[in-house]
Amino acid sequence: MHNEDVNLAPNATGPDQIDTGSDEAVRIWAERLAVSPDQIKAAVAEVGDRASDVELHLKGSRSTTTDDRIEAAGI
């Protein structure tokens, strides 16, 4: 699977869920969030499989998510 073939959901569970049972999904989310696959798996174990929760957990509470930046820009 090429990266351009992957839409928002690189897994079958939904657009905002990370399927840790899929090495490909974990790898893609790790690239998107600029962390290691192990960090993705640890974050999912800590906060659940919702990608926005994982992103917030990994970046810390002071960071903004992509959704926050889009909303602030009025897009």
C-alpha atoms as a PDB file:
ATOM      1  CA  MET A   1       0.000   0.000   0.000  1.00  0.00           C
ATOM      2  CA  HIS A   2       1.383   3.386  -0.965  1.00  0.00           C
ATOM      3  CA  ASN A   3       0.932   6.370   1.316  1.00  0.00           C
ATOM      4  CA  GLU A   4      -1.164   8.164  -1.330  1.00  0.00           C
ATOM      5  CA  ASP A   5      -3.552   5.197  -1.274  1.00  0.00           C
ATOM      6  CA  VAL A   6      -4.252   5.712   2.424  1.00  0.00           C
ATOM      7  CA  ASN A   7      -6.970   8.181   3.286  1.00  0.00           C
ATOM      8  CA  LEU A   8      -7.633   9.549   6.746  1.00  0.00           C
ATOM      9  CA  ALA A   9      -8.247   6.055   8.116  1.00  0.00           C
ATOM     10  CA  PRO A  10      -5.299   3.709   7.561  1.00  0.00           C
ATOM     11  CA  ASN A  11      -7.276   0.988   9.285  1.00  0.00           C
ATOM     12  CA  ALA A  12     -10.694  -0.607   9.108  1.00  0.00           C
ATOM     13  CA  THR A  13     -11.966   0.606  12.477  1.00  0.00           C
ATOM     14  CA  GLY A  14     -12.727   4.213  11.569  1.00  0.00           C
ATOM     15  CA  PRO A  15     -11.244   7.538  10.616  1.00  0.00           C
ATOM     16  CA  ASP A  16     -10.233   8.491  14.144  1.00  0.00           C
ATOM     17  CA  GLN A  17      -9.180   5.114  15.476  1.00  0.00           C
ATOM     18  CA  ILE A  18      -5.770   3.487  15.518  1.00  0.00           C
ATOM     19  CA  ASP A  19      -5.781  -0.251  14.949  1.00  0.00           C
ATOM     20  CA  THR A  20      -2.766  -1.477  16.911  1.00  0.00           C
ATOM     21  CA  GLY A  21      -3.376  -4.943  15.482  1.00  0.00           C
ATOM     22  CA  SER A  22      -2.247  -3.633  12.098  1.00  0.00           C
ATOM     23  CA  ASP A  23       1.479  -2.973  11.774  1.00  0.00           C
ATOM     24  CA  GLU A  24       0.769  -0.860   8.680  1.00  0.00           C
ATOM     25  CA  ALA A  25      -1.757   1.330  10.521  1.00  0.00           C
ATOM     26  CA  VAL A  26       0.622   1.794  13.463  1.00  0.00           C
ATOM     27  CA  ARG A  27       3.467   2.691  11.095  1.00  0.00           C
ATOM     28  CA  ILE A  28       1.323   5.254   9.251  1.00  0.00           C
ATOM     29  CA  TRP A  29       0.054   6.885  12.448  1.00  0.00           C
ATOM     30  CA  ALA A  30       3.610   6.926  13.825  1.00  0.00           C
ATOM     31  CA  GLU A  31       4.779   8.785  10.709  1.00  0.00           C
ATOM     32  CA  ARG A  32       1.849  11.209  10.874  1.00  0.00           C
ATOM     33  CA  LEU A  33       2.484  12.005  14.520  1.00  0.00           C
ATOM     34  CA  ALA A  34       6.291  11.942  14.202  1.00  0.00           C
ATOM     35  CA  VAL A  35       6.784   9.284  16.880  1.00  0.00           C
ATOM     36  CA  SER A  36       7.854   5.650  16.957  1.00  0.00           C
ATOM     37  CA  PRO A  37       5.440   2.752  16.501  1.00  0.00           C
ATOM     38  CA  ASP A  38       6.158   1.721  20.095  1.00  0.00           C
ATOM     39  CA  GLN A  39       5.086   5.177  21.285  1.00  0.00           C
ATOM     40  CA  ILE A  40       1.826   4.815  19.340  1.00  0.00           C
ATOM     41  CA  LYS A  41       1.137   1.432  20.940  1.00  0.00           C
ATOM     42  CA  ALA A  42       1.970   2.723  24.423  1.00  0.00           C
ATOM     43  CA  ALA A  43      -0.249   5.780  23.958  1.00  0.00           C
ATOM     44  CA  VAL A  44      -3.156   3.632  22.741  1.00  0.00           C
ATOM     45  CA  ALA A  45      -2.730   1.416  25.810  1.00  0.00           C
ATOM     46  CA  GLU A  46      -2.811   4.542  27.982  1.00  0.00           C
ATOM     47  CA  VAL A  47      -5.648   6.610  26.443  1.00  0.00           C
ATOM     48  CA  GLY A  48      -7.470   4.334  24.003  1.00  0.00           C
ATOM     49  CA  ASP A  49      -7.474   4.044  20.224  1.00  0.00           C
ATOM     50  CA  ARG A  50      -8.971   7.412  19.296  1.00  0.00           C
ATOM     51  CA  ALA A  51      -6.316   9.142  17.187  1.00  0.00           C
ATOM     52  CA  SER A  52      -7.071  12.633  18.487  1.00  0.00           C
ATOM     53  CA  ASP A  53      -6.677  11.418  22.093  1.00  0.00           C
ATOM     54  CA  VAL A  54      -3.420   9.667  21.195  1.00  0.00           C
ATOM     55  CA  GLU A  55      -2.129  12.818  19.489  1.00  0.00           C
ATOM     56  CA  LEU A  56      -3.013  14.962  22.501  1.00  0.00           C
ATOM     57  CA  HIS A  57      -1.406  12.457  24.868  1.00  0.00           C
ATOM     58  CA  LEU A  58       1.797  12.311  22.833  1.00  0.00           C
ATOM     59  CA  LYS A  59       2.097  16.056  22.342  1.00  0.00           C
ATOM     60  CA  GLY A  60       0.978  17.089  25.804  1.00  0.00           C
ATOM     61  CA  SER A  61      -1.958  19.155  26.951  1.00  0.00           C
ATOM     62  CA  ARG A  62      -0.391  22.459  25.889  1.00  0.00           C
ATOM     63  CA  SER A  63      -0.197  21.407  22.268  1.00  0.00           C
ATOM     64  CA  THR A  64      -2.933  21.963  19.735  1.00  0.00           C
ATOM     65  CA  THR A  65      -4.334  19.239  17.552  1.00  0.00           C
ATOM     66  CA  THR A  66      -4.873  19.521  13.834  1.00  0.00           C
ATOM     67  CA  ASP A  67      -8.603  19.966  14.503  1.00  0.00           C
ATOM     68  CA  ASP A  68      -7.841  22.860  16.873  1.00  0.00           C
ATOM     69  CA  ARG A  69      -5.667  24.583  14.261  1.00  0.00           C
ATOM     70  CA  ILE A  70      -8.313  24.167  11.559  1.00  0.00           C
ATOM     71  CA  GLU A  71     -11.004  25.513  13.836  1.00  0.00           C
ATOM     72  CA  ALA A  72      -8.844  28.497  14.830  1.00  0.00           C
ATOM     73  CA  ALA A  73      -8.194  29.256  11.157  1.00  0.00           C
ATOM     74  CA  GLY A  74     -11.930  29.195  10.448  1.00  0.00           C
ATOM     75  CA  ILE A  75     -11.594  26.541   7.784  1.00  0.00           C
END
